[in-house]
PDB file of N, CA and C in Angstrom:
ATOM      1  N   MET A   1      -1.834 -39.390  76.605  1.00  0.00           N
ATOM      2  CA  MET A   1      -2.240 -40.639  75.999  1.00  0.00           C
ATOM      3  C   MET A   1      -3.752 -40.671  75.910  1.00  0.00           C
ATOM      4  N   THR A   2      -4.266 -41.074  74.771  1.00  0.00           N
ATOM      5  CA  THR A   2      -5.693 -41.165  74.560  1.00  0.00           C
ATOM      6  C   THR A   2      -6.148 -42.584  74.792  1.00  0.00           C
ATOM      7  N   ASN A   3      -7.177 -42.764  75.586  1.00  0.00           N
ATOM      8  CA  ASN A   3      -7.716 -44.102  75.819  1.00  0.00           C
ATOM      9  C   ASN A   3      -8.883 -44.305  74.886  1.00  0.00           C
ATOM     10  N   SER A   4      -8.635 -44.981  73.755  1.00  0.00           N
ATOM     11  CA  SER A   4      -9.685 -45.181  72.767  1.00  0.00           C
ATOM     12  C   SER A   4     -10.231 -46.602  72.779  1.00  0.00           C
ATOM     13  N   THR A   5      -9.849 -47.404  73.767  1.00  0.00           N
ATOM     14  CA  THR A   5     -10.320 -48.782  73.778  1.00  0.00           C
ATOM     15  C   THR A   5     -11.823 -48.854  73.954  1.00  0.00           C
ATOM     16  N   THR A   6     -12.423 -47.892  74.633  1.00  0.00           N
ATOM     17  CA  THR A   6     -13.864 -47.926  74.818  1.00  0.00           C
ATOM     18  C   THR A   6     -14.597 -47.288  73.652  1.00  0.00           C
ATOM     19  N   LYS A   7     -13.908 -46.519  72.812  1.00  0.00           N
ATOM     20  CA  LYS A   7     -14.536 -45.796  71.716  1.00  0.00           C
ATOM     21  C   LYS A   7     -14.418 -46.525  70.385  1.00  0.00           C
ATOM     22  N   ASN A   8     -13.372 -47.265  70.178  1.00  0.00           N
ATOM     23  CA  ASN A   8     -13.085 -47.874  68.889  1.00  0.00           C
ATOM     24  C   ASN A   8     -13.091 -49.394  68.984  1.00  0.00           C
ATOM     25  N   ALA A   9     -13.273 -49.995  67.828  1.00  0.00           N
ATOM     26  CA  ALA A   9     -13.197 -51.448  67.757  1.00  0.00           C
ATOM     27  C   ALA A   9     -11.732 -51.872  67.747  1.00  0.00           C
ATOM     28  N   PRO A  10     -11.452 -53.087  68.175  1.00  0.00           N
ATOM     29  CA  PRO A  10     -10.066 -53.567  68.097  1.00  0.00           C
ATOM     30  C   PRO A  10      -9.620 -53.667  66.642  1.00  0.00           C
ATOM     31  N   VAL A  11      -8.314 -53.538  66.421  1.00  0.00           N
ATOM     32  CA  VAL A  11      -7.780 -53.646  65.060  1.00  0.00           C
ATOM     33  C   VAL A  11      -7.654 -55.097  64.624  1.00  0.00           C
ATOM     34  N   ASP A  12      -7.656 -56.007  65.596  1.00  0.00           N
ATOM     35  CA  ASP A  12      -7.582 -57.427  65.262  1.00  0.00           C
ATOM     36  C   ASP A  12      -8.040 -58.248  66.459  1.00  0.00           C
ATOM     37  N   ARG A  13      -8.397 -59.487  66.186  1.00  0.00           N
ATOM     38  CA  ARG A  13      -8.757 -60.443  67.237  1.00  0.00           C
ATOM     39  C   ARG A  13      -8.068 -61.761  66.927  1.00  0.00           C
ATOM     40  N   VAL A  14      -7.648 -62.437  67.977  1.00  0.00           N
ATOM     41  CA  VAL A  14      -7.035 -63.760  67.850  1.00  0.00           C
ATOM     42  C   VAL A  14      -7.793 -64.670  68.797  1.00  0.00           C
ATOM     43  N   ARG A  15      -8.169 -65.857  68.323  1.00  0.00           N
ATOM     44  CA  ARG A  15      -8.972 -66.763  69.140  1.00  0.00           C
ATOM     45  C   ARG A  15      -8.381 -68.166  69.130  1.00  0.00           C
ATOM     46  N   LEU A  16      -8.377 -68.781  70.291  1.00  0.00           N
ATOM     47  CA  LEU A  16      -8.054 -70.206  70.435  1.00  0.00           C
ATOM     48  C   LEU A  16      -9.172 -70.815  71.278  1.00  0.00           C
ATOM     49  N   GLY A  17     -10.078 -71.495  70.623  1.00  0.00           N
ATOM     50  CA  GLY A  17     -11.204 -72.084  71.345  1.00  0.00           C
ATOM     51  C   GLY A  17     -12.068 -71.013  71.987  1.00  0.00           C
ATOM     52  N   ARG A  18     -12.306 -71.146  73.283  1.00  0.00           N
ATOM     53  CA  ARG A  18     -13.174 -70.196  73.987  1.00  0.00           C
ATOM     54  C   ARG A  18     -12.425 -69.009  74.572  1.00  0.00           C
ATOM     55  N   ILE A  19     -11.131 -68.921  74.315  1.00  0.00           N
ATOM     56  CA  ILE A  19     -10.319 -67.816  74.811  1.00  0.00           C
ATOM     57  C   ILE A  19      -9.886 -66.957  73.629  1.00  0.00           C
ATOM     58  N   SER A  20     -10.073 -65.647  73.767  1.00  0.00           N
ATOM     59  CA  SER A  20      -9.733 -64.752  72.661  1.00  0.00           C
ATOM     60  C   SER A  20      -9.001 -63.525  73.178  1.00  0.00           C
ATOM     61  N   ALA A  21      -8.288 -62.895  72.258  1.00  0.00           N
ATOM     62  CA  ALA A  21      -7.574 -61.656  72.563  1.00  0.00           C
ATOM     63  C   ALA A  21      -8.013 -60.602  71.557  1.00  0.00           C
ATOM     64  N   ALA A  22      -8.179 -59.390  72.037  1.00  0.00           N
ATOM     65  CA  ALA A  22      -8.461 -58.243  71.181  1.00  0.00           C
ATOM     66  C   ALA A  22      -7.237 -57.339  71.206  1.00  0.00           C
ATOM     67  N   ILE A  23      -6.838 -56.856  70.035  1.00  0.00           N
ATOM     68  CA  ILE A  23      -5.677 -55.975  69.916  1.00  0.00           C
ATOM     69  C   ILE A  23      -6.195 -54.568  69.623  1.00  0.00           C
ATOM     70  N   TRP A  24      -5.734 -53.622  70.433  1.00  0.00           N
ATOM     71  CA  TRP A  24      -6.197 -52.241  70.359  1.00  0.00           C
ATOM     72  C   TRP A  24      -5.052 -51.324  69.948  1.00  0.00           C
ATOM     73  N   LYS A  25      -5.301 -50.454  68.990  1.00  0.00           N
ATOM     74  CA  LYS A  25      -4.314 -49.463  68.558  1.00  0.00           C
ATOM     75  C   LYS A  25      -4.525 -48.195  69.379  1.00  0.00           C
ATOM     76  N   GLN A  26      -3.453 -47.681  69.933  1.00  0.00           N
ATOM     77  CA  GLN A  26      -3.497 -46.483  70.767  1.00  0.00           C
ATOM     78  C   GLN A  26      -2.548 -45.438  70.188  1.00  0.00           C
ATOM     79  N   THR A  27      -2.855 -44.179  70.443  1.00  0.00           N
ATOM     80  CA  THR A  27      -1.979 -43.089  70.033  1.00  0.00           C
ATOM     81  C   THR A  27      -1.632 -42.264  71.262  1.00  0.00           C
ATOM     82  N   ALA A  28      -0.353 -42.108  71.498  1.00  0.00           N
ATOM     83  CA  ALA A  28       0.123 -41.321  72.634  1.00  0.00           C
ATOM     84  C   ALA A  28       0.010 -39.833  72.306  1.00  0.00           C
ATOM     85  N   GLY A  29       0.150 -39.012  73.321  1.00  0.00           N
ATOM     86  CA  GLY A  29       0.071 -37.565  73.141  1.00  0.00           C
ATOM     87  C   GLY A  29       1.091 -37.016  72.166  1.00  0.00           C
ATOM     88  N   ASP A  30       2.234 -37.702  72.031  1.00  0.00           N
ATOM     89  CA  ASP A  30       3.269 -37.242  71.098  1.00  0.00           C
ATOM     90  C   ASP A  30       3.043 -37.760  69.679  1.00  0.00           C
ATOM     91  N   GLY A  31       1.909 -38.439  69.469  1.00  0.00           N
ATOM     92  CA  GLY A  31       1.563 -38.929  68.137  1.00  0.00           C
ATOM     93  C   GLY A  31       2.073 -40.315  67.818  1.00  0.00           C
ATOM     94  N   LYS A  32       2.840 -40.907  68.708  1.00  0.00           N
ATOM     95  CA  LYS A  32       3.365 -42.250  68.460  1.00  0.00           C
ATOM     96  C   LYS A  32       2.273 -43.291  68.696  1.00  0.00           C
ATOM     97  N   THR A  33       2.334 -44.342  67.903  1.00  0.00           N
ATOM     98  CA  THR A  33       1.357 -45.418  67.983  1.00  0.00           C
ATOM     99  C   THR A  33       1.910 -46.574  68.801  1.00  0.00           C
ATOM    100  N   PHE A  34       1.046 -47.192  69.593  1.00  0.00           N
ATOM    101  CA  PHE A  34       1.402 -48.412  70.299  1.00  0.00           C
ATOM    102  C   PHE A  34       0.172 -49.284  70.385  1.00  0.00           C
ATOM    103  N   TYR A  35       0.351 -50.498  70.809  1.00  0.00           N
ATOM    104  CA  TYR A  35      -0.744 -51.464  70.848  1.00  0.00           C
ATOM    105  C   TYR A  35      -0.876 -52.064  72.242  1.00  0.00           C
ATOM    106  N   ASN A  36      -2.110 -52.302  72.643  1.00  0.00           N
ATOM    107  CA  ASN A  36      -2.445 -53.028  73.866  1.00  0.00           C
ATOM    108  C   ASN A  36      -3.293 -54.221  73.485  1.00  0.00           C
ATOM    109  N   PHE A  37      -3.439 -55.139  74.395  1.00  0.00           N
ATOM    110  CA  PHE A  37      -4.340 -56.255  74.127  1.00  0.00           C
ATOM    111  C   PHE A  37      -5.056 -56.667  75.406  1.00  0.00           C
ATOM    112  N   THR A  38      -6.222 -57.256  75.208  1.00  0.00           N
ATOM    113  CA  THR A  38      -7.000 -57.821  76.309  1.00  0.00           C
ATOM    114  C   THR A  38      -7.270 -59.279  75.986  1.00  0.00           C
ATOM    115  N   ILE A  39      -7.369 -60.097  77.016  1.00  0.00           N
ATOM    116  CA  ILE A  39      -7.675 -61.515  76.845  1.00  0.00           C
ATOM    117  C   ILE A  39      -8.926 -61.815  77.654  1.00  0.00           C
ATOM    118  N   GLU A  40      -9.831 -62.584  77.066  1.00  0.00           N
ATOM    119  CA  GLU A  40     -11.038 -62.975  77.789  1.00  0.00           C
ATOM    120  C   GLU A  40     -11.452 -64.395  77.427  1.00  0.00           C
ATOM    121  N   ARG A  41     -12.215 -64.981  78.320  1.00  0.00           N
ATOM    122  CA  ARG A  41     -12.737 -66.338  78.142  1.00  0.00           C
ATOM    123  C   ARG A  41     -14.244 -66.233  78.030  1.00  0.00           C
ATOM    124  N   SER A  42     -14.817 -66.875  77.020  1.00  0.00           N
ATOM    125  CA  SER A  42     -16.267 -66.852  76.872  1.00  0.00           C
ATOM    126  C   SER A  42     -16.869 -68.113  77.496  1.00  0.00           C
ATOM    127  N   TYR A  43     -18.075 -67.957  77.987  1.00  0.00           N
ATOM    128  CA  TYR A  43     -18.809 -69.079  78.579  1.00  0.00           C
ATOM    129  C   TYR A  43     -20.297 -68.785  78.493  1.00  0.00           C
ATOM    130  N   LYS A  44     -21.121 -69.826  78.694  1.00  0.00           N
ATOM    131  CA  LYS A  44     -22.566 -69.662  78.733  1.00  0.00           C
ATOM    132  C   LYS A  44     -23.021 -69.665  80.183  1.00  0.00           C
ATOM    133  N   ASP A  45     -23.879 -68.704  80.501  1.00  0.00           N
ATOM    134  CA  ASP A  45     -24.427 -68.667  81.861  1.00  0.00           C
ATOM    135  C   ASP A  45     -25.599 -69.638  81.982  1.00  0.00           C
ATOM    136  N   GLU A  46     -26.230 -69.673  83.161  1.00  0.00           N
ATOM    137  CA  GLU A  46     -27.327 -70.615  83.418  1.00  0.00           C
ATOM    138  C   GLU A  46     -28.495 -70.429  82.455  1.00  0.00           C
ATOM    139  N   ALA A  47     -28.689 -69.200  81.967  1.00  0.00           N
ATOM    140  CA  ALA A  47     -29.783 -68.905  81.045  1.00  0.00           C
ATOM    141  C   ALA A  47     -29.413 -69.207  79.599  1.00  0.00           C
ATOM    142  N   GLY A  48     -28.184 -69.646  79.363  1.00  0.00           N
ATOM    143  CA  GLY A  48     -27.738 -69.960  78.010  1.00  0.00           C
ATOM    144  C   GLY A  48     -27.198 -68.768  77.238  1.00  0.00           C
ATOM    145  N   ASN A  49     -27.007 -67.658  77.919  1.00  0.00           N
ATOM    146  CA  ASN A  49     -26.457 -66.463  77.279  1.00  0.00           C
ATOM    147  C   ASN A  49     -24.936 -66.469  77.371  1.00  0.00           C
ATOM    148  N   TYR A  50     -24.308 -66.010  76.303  1.00  0.00           N
ATOM    149  CA  TYR A  50     -22.845 -65.935  76.320  1.00  0.00           C
ATOM    150  C   TYR A  50     -22.388 -64.769  77.182  1.00  0.00           C
ATOM    151  N   GLN A  51     -21.373 -65.025  77.982  1.00  0.00           N
ATOM    152  CA  GLN A  51     -20.757 -64.035  78.853  1.00  0.00           C
ATOM    153  C   GLN A  51     -19.244 -64.108  78.631  1.00  0.00           C
ATOM    154  N   SER A  52     -18.525 -63.161  79.201  1.00  0.00           N
ATOM    155  CA  SER A  52     -17.073 -63.220  79.126  1.00  0.00           C
ATOM    156  C   SER A  52     -16.487 -62.945  80.494  1.00  0.00           C
ATOM    157  N   ALA A  53     -15.301 -63.486  80.718  1.00  0.00           N
ATOM    158  CA  ALA A  53     -14.609 -63.312  81.994  1.00  0.00           C
ATOM    159  C   ALA A  53     -13.124 -63.121  81.723  1.00  0.00           C
ATOM    160  N   ALA A  54     -12.458 -62.456  82.646  1.00  0.00           N
ATOM    161  CA  ALA A  54     -11.017 -62.238  82.536  1.00  0.00           C
ATOM    162  C   ALA A  54     -10.259 -63.109  83.525  1.00  0.00           C
ATOM    163  N   SER A  55     -10.901 -64.133  84.041  1.00  0.00           N
ATOM    164  CA  SER A  55     -10.228 -65.075  84.934  1.00  0.00           C
ATOM    165  C   SER A  55     -10.131 -66.421  84.232  1.00  0.00           C
ATOM    166  N   PHE A  56      -9.095 -67.173  84.585  1.00  0.00           N
ATOM    167  CA  PHE A  56      -8.806 -68.411  83.884  1.00  0.00           C
ATOM    168  C   PHE A  56      -8.454 -69.497  84.878  1.00  0.00           C
ATOM    169  N   SER A  57      -8.717 -70.729  84.490  1.00  0.00           N
ATOM    170  CA  SER A  57      -8.363 -71.870  85.331  1.00  0.00           C
ATOM    171  C   SER A  57      -6.975 -72.373  84.948  1.00  0.00           C
ATOM    172  N   LEU A  58      -6.454 -73.278  85.747  1.00  0.00           N
ATOM    173  CA  LEU A  58      -5.166 -73.871  85.437  1.00  0.00           C
ATOM    174  C   LEU A  58      -5.197 -74.524  84.057  1.00  0.00           C
ATOM    175  N   GLY A  59      -6.311 -75.126  83.709  1.00  0.00           N
ATOM    176  CA  GLY A  59      -6.447 -75.760  82.397  1.00  0.00           C
ATOM    177  C   GLY A  59      -6.359 -74.778  81.240  1.00  0.00           C
ATOM    178  N   ASP A  60      -6.590 -73.507  81.507  1.00  0.00           N
ATOM    179  CA  ASP A  60      -6.512 -72.473  80.479  1.00  0.00           C
ATOM    180  C   ASP A  60      -5.105 -71.893  80.327  1.00  0.00           C
ATOM    181  N   ALA A  61      -4.230 -72.171  81.270  1.00  0.00           N
ATOM    182  CA  ALA A  61      -2.930 -71.492  81.330  1.00  0.00           C
ATOM    183  C   ALA A  61      -2.124 -71.652  80.041  1.00  0.00           C
ATOM    184  N   LEU A  62      -2.032 -72.850  79.518  1.00  0.00           N
ATOM    185  CA  LEU A  62      -1.236 -73.065  78.309  1.00  0.00           C
ATOM    186  C   LEU A  62      -1.874 -72.390  77.104  1.00  0.00           C
ATOM    187  N   VAL A  63      -3.201 -72.415  77.032  1.00  0.00           N
ATOM    188  CA  VAL A  63      -3.888 -71.748  75.923  1.00  0.00           C
ATOM    189  C   VAL A  63      -3.659 -70.239  75.990  1.00  0.00           C
ATOM    190  N   VAL A  64      -3.719 -69.666  77.194  1.00  0.00           N
ATOM    191  CA  VAL A  64      -3.459 -68.233  77.356  1.00  0.00           C
ATOM    192  C   VAL A  64      -2.026 -67.912  76.930  1.00  0.00           C
ATOM    193  N   ALA A  65      -1.081 -68.762  77.291  1.00  0.00           N
ATOM    194  CA  ALA A  65       0.314 -68.543  76.903  1.00  0.00           C
ATOM    195  C   ALA A  65       0.480 -68.613  75.381  1.00  0.00           C
ATOM    196  N   LYS A  66      -0.153 -69.592  74.747  1.00  0.00           N
ATOM    197  CA  LYS A  66      -0.076 -69.697  73.290  1.00  0.00           C
ATOM    198  C   LYS A  66      -0.744 -68.504  72.620  1.00  0.00           C
ATOM    199  N   LEU A  67      -1.857 -68.075  73.180  1.00  0.00           N
ATOM    200  CA  LEU A  67      -2.557 -66.918  72.637  1.00  0.00           C
ATOM    201  C   LEU A  67      -1.700 -65.661  72.765  1.00  0.00           C
ATOM    202  N   ALA A  68      -1.044 -65.485  73.903  1.00  0.00           N
ATOM    203  CA  ALA A  68      -0.154 -64.333  74.100  1.00  0.00           C
ATOM    204  C   ALA A  68       0.976 -64.350  73.069  1.00  0.00           C
ATOM    205  N   ASN A  69       1.491 -65.510  72.748  1.00  0.00           N
ATOM    206  CA  ASN A  69       2.528 -65.637  71.729  1.00  0.00           C
ATOM    207  C   ASN A  69       1.996 -65.207  70.363  1.00  0.00           C
ATOM    208  N   LEU A  70       0.786 -65.632  70.023  1.00  0.00           N
ATOM    209  CA  LEU A  70       0.176 -65.236  68.755  1.00  0.00           C
ATOM    210  C   LEU A  70      -0.066 -63.729  68.708  1.00  0.00           C
ATOM    211  N   VAL A  71      -0.505 -63.165  69.830  1.00  0.00           N
ATOM    212  CA  VAL A  71      -0.731 -61.723  69.906  1.00  0.00           C
ATOM    213  C   VAL A  71       0.584 -60.972  69.711  1.00  0.00           C
ATOM    214  N   ASP A  72       1.643 -61.436  70.349  1.00  0.00           N
ATOM    215  CA  ASP A  72       2.953 -60.812  70.192  1.00  0.00           C
ATOM    216  C   ASP A  72       3.354 -60.788  68.718  1.00  0.00           C
ATOM    217  N   THR A  73       3.197 -61.904  68.044  1.00  0.00           N
ATOM    218  CA  THR A  73       3.541 -61.993  66.623  1.00  0.00           C
ATOM    219  C   THR A  73       2.694 -61.034  65.802  1.00  0.00           C
ATOM    220  N   ARG A  74       1.388 -60.996  66.078  1.00  0.00           N
ATOM    221  CA  ARG A  74       0.487 -60.137  65.305  1.00  0.00           C
ATOM    222  C   ARG A  74       0.798 -58.653  65.532  1.00  0.00           C
ATOM    223  N   ILE A  75       1.046 -58.256  66.767  1.00  0.00           N
ATOM    224  CA  ILE A  75       1.356 -56.848  67.047  1.00  0.00           C
ATOM    225  C   ILE A  75       2.670 -56.453  66.378  1.00  0.00           C
ATOM    226  N   ARG A  76       3.653 -57.324  66.409  1.00  0.00           N
ATOM    227  CA  ARG A  76       4.930 -57.010  65.745  1.00  0.00           C
ATOM    228  C   ARG A  76       4.739 -56.833  64.242  1.00  0.00           C
ATOM    229  N   LYS A  77       3.867 -57.637  63.626  1.00  0.00           N
ATOM    230  CA  LYS A  77       3.577 -57.478  62.198  1.00  0.00           C
ATOM    231  C   LYS A  77       2.864 -56.152  61.937  1.00  0.00           C
ATOM    232  N   LEU A  78       1.936 -55.778  62.802  1.00  0.00           N
ATOM    233  CA  LEU A  78       1.254 -54.489  62.658  1.00  0.00           C
ATOM    234  C   LEU A  78       2.247 -53.343  62.770  1.00  0.00           C
ATOM    235  N   MET A  79       3.157 -53.429  63.735  1.00  0.00           N
ATOM    236  CA  MET A  79       4.164 -52.385  63.927  1.00  0.00           C
ATOM    237  C   MET A  79       5.118 -52.313  62.738  1.00  0.00           C
ATOM    238  N   ASP A  80       5.524 -53.478  62.218  1.00  0.00           N
ATOM    239  CA  ASP A  80       6.412 -53.505  61.053  1.00  0.00           C
ATOM    240  C   ASP A  80       5.732 -52.870  59.839  1.00  0.00           C
ATOM    241  N   ALA A  81       4.453 -53.183  59.631  1.00  0.00           N
ATOM    242  CA  ALA A  81       3.721 -52.617  58.500  1.00  0.00           C
ATOM    243  C   ALA A  81       3.596 -51.101  58.646  1.00  0.00           C
ATOM    244  N   GLU A  82       3.341 -50.643  59.849  1.00  0.00           N
ATOM    245  CA  GLU A  82       3.228 -49.206  60.100  1.00  0.00           C
ATOM    246  C   GLU A  82       4.571 -48.504  59.858  1.00  0.00           C
ATOM    247  N   TYR A  83       5.646 -49.125  60.318  1.00  0.00           N
ATOM    248  CA  TYR A  83       6.979 -48.555  60.117  1.00  0.00           C
ATOM    249  C   TYR A  83       7.304 -48.487  58.617  1.00  0.00           C
ATOM    250  N   ALA A  84       7.002 -49.570  57.899  1.00  0.00           N
ATOM    251  CA  ALA A  84       7.277 -49.595  56.459  1.00  0.00           C
ATOM    252  C   ALA A  84       6.472 -48.514  55.737  1.00  0.00           C
ATOM    253  N   ALA A  85       5.233 -48.321  56.141  1.00  0.00           N
ATOM    254  CA  ALA A  85       4.400 -47.290  55.513  1.00  0.00           C
ATOM    255  C   ALA A  85       4.956 -45.902  55.799  1.00  0.00           C
ATOM    256  N   SER A  86       5.428 -45.673  57.018  1.00  0.00           N
ATOM    257  CA  SER A  86       5.976 -44.349  57.356  1.00  0.00           C
ATOM    258  C   SER A  86       7.275 -44.102  56.595  1.00  0.00           C
ATOM    259  N   ARG A  87       8.082 -45.128  56.419  1.00  0.00           N
ATOM    260  CA  ARG A  87       9.335 -44.982  55.662  1.00  0.00           C
ATOM    261  C   ARG A  87       9.014 -44.682  54.196  1.00  0.00           C
ATOM    262  N   SER A  88       7.989 -45.325  53.664  1.00  0.00           N
ATOM    263  CA  SER A  88       7.582 -45.090  52.279  1.00  0.00           C
ATOM    264  C   SER A  88       7.091 -43.667  52.114  1.00  0.00           C
ATOM    265  N   ASP A  89       6.312 -43.177  53.078  1.00  0.00           N
ATOM    266  CA  ASP A  89       5.828 -41.786  53.024  1.00  0.00           C
ATOM    267  C   ASP A  89       6.990 -40.813  53.017  1.00  0.00           C
ATOM    268  N   GLU A  90       7.997 -41.064  53.850  1.00  0.00           N
ATOM    269  CA  GLU A  90       9.165 -40.188  53.915  1.00  0.00           C
ATOM    270  C   GLU A  90       9.931 -40.217  52.587  1.00  0.00           C
ATOM    271  N   GLU A  91      10.048 -41.414  52.025  1.00  0.00           N
ATOM    272  CA  GLU A  91      10.806 -41.571  50.778  1.00  0.00           C
ATOM    273  C   GLU A  91      10.174 -40.812  49.632  1.00  0.00           C
ATOM    274  N   TYR A  92       8.857 -40.788  49.597  1.00  0.00           N
ATOM    275  CA  TYR A  92       8.149 -40.140  48.483  1.00  0.00           C
ATOM    276  C   TYR A  92       7.639 -38.753  48.834  1.00  0.00           C
ATOM    277  N   GLY A  93       8.051 -38.224  49.991  1.00  0.00           N
ATOM    278  CA  GLY A  93       7.687 -36.865  50.338  1.00  0.00           C
ATOM    279  C   GLY A  93       6.264 -36.676  50.805  1.00  0.00           C
ATOM    280  N   ASP A  94       5.610 -37.760  51.241  1.00  0.00           N
ATOM    281  CA  ASP A  94       4.224 -37.671  51.709  1.00  0.00           C
ATOM    282  C   ASP A  94       4.122 -37.428  53.192  1.00  0.00           C
ATOM    283  N   ALA A  95       5.245 -37.311  53.875  1.00  0.00           N
ATOM    284  CA  ALA A  95       5.209 -37.115  55.330  1.00  0.00           C
ATOM    285  C   ALA A  95       4.709 -35.705  55.627  1.00  0.00           C
ATOM    286  N   GLU A  96       3.982 -35.583  56.727  1.00  0.00           N
ATOM    287  CA  GLU A  96       3.428 -34.281  57.111  1.00  0.00           C
ATOM    288  C   GLU A  96       4.416 -33.492  57.906  1.00  0.00           C
TER     289      GLU A  96
END
């Protein structure tokens, strides 16, 4: 499995207020594609600079749950599009 999360930009981002998720496309050693996601909360520090954290308060719990639902939907759409493209390649003889 190749860890490209540090090398590549996310394929998509989903945001609800100050909490956001990044969706990362990964390729396993066998060539299969899968997706991971990270969730973070943005805030301003004492100096007024934006920072991010991976910890959440109770007040964030419902937003994180809603965001996870949106991420699930988005990843499934990405997977469906990829599957449809691979089926089209096979149908027209473009598969490698």
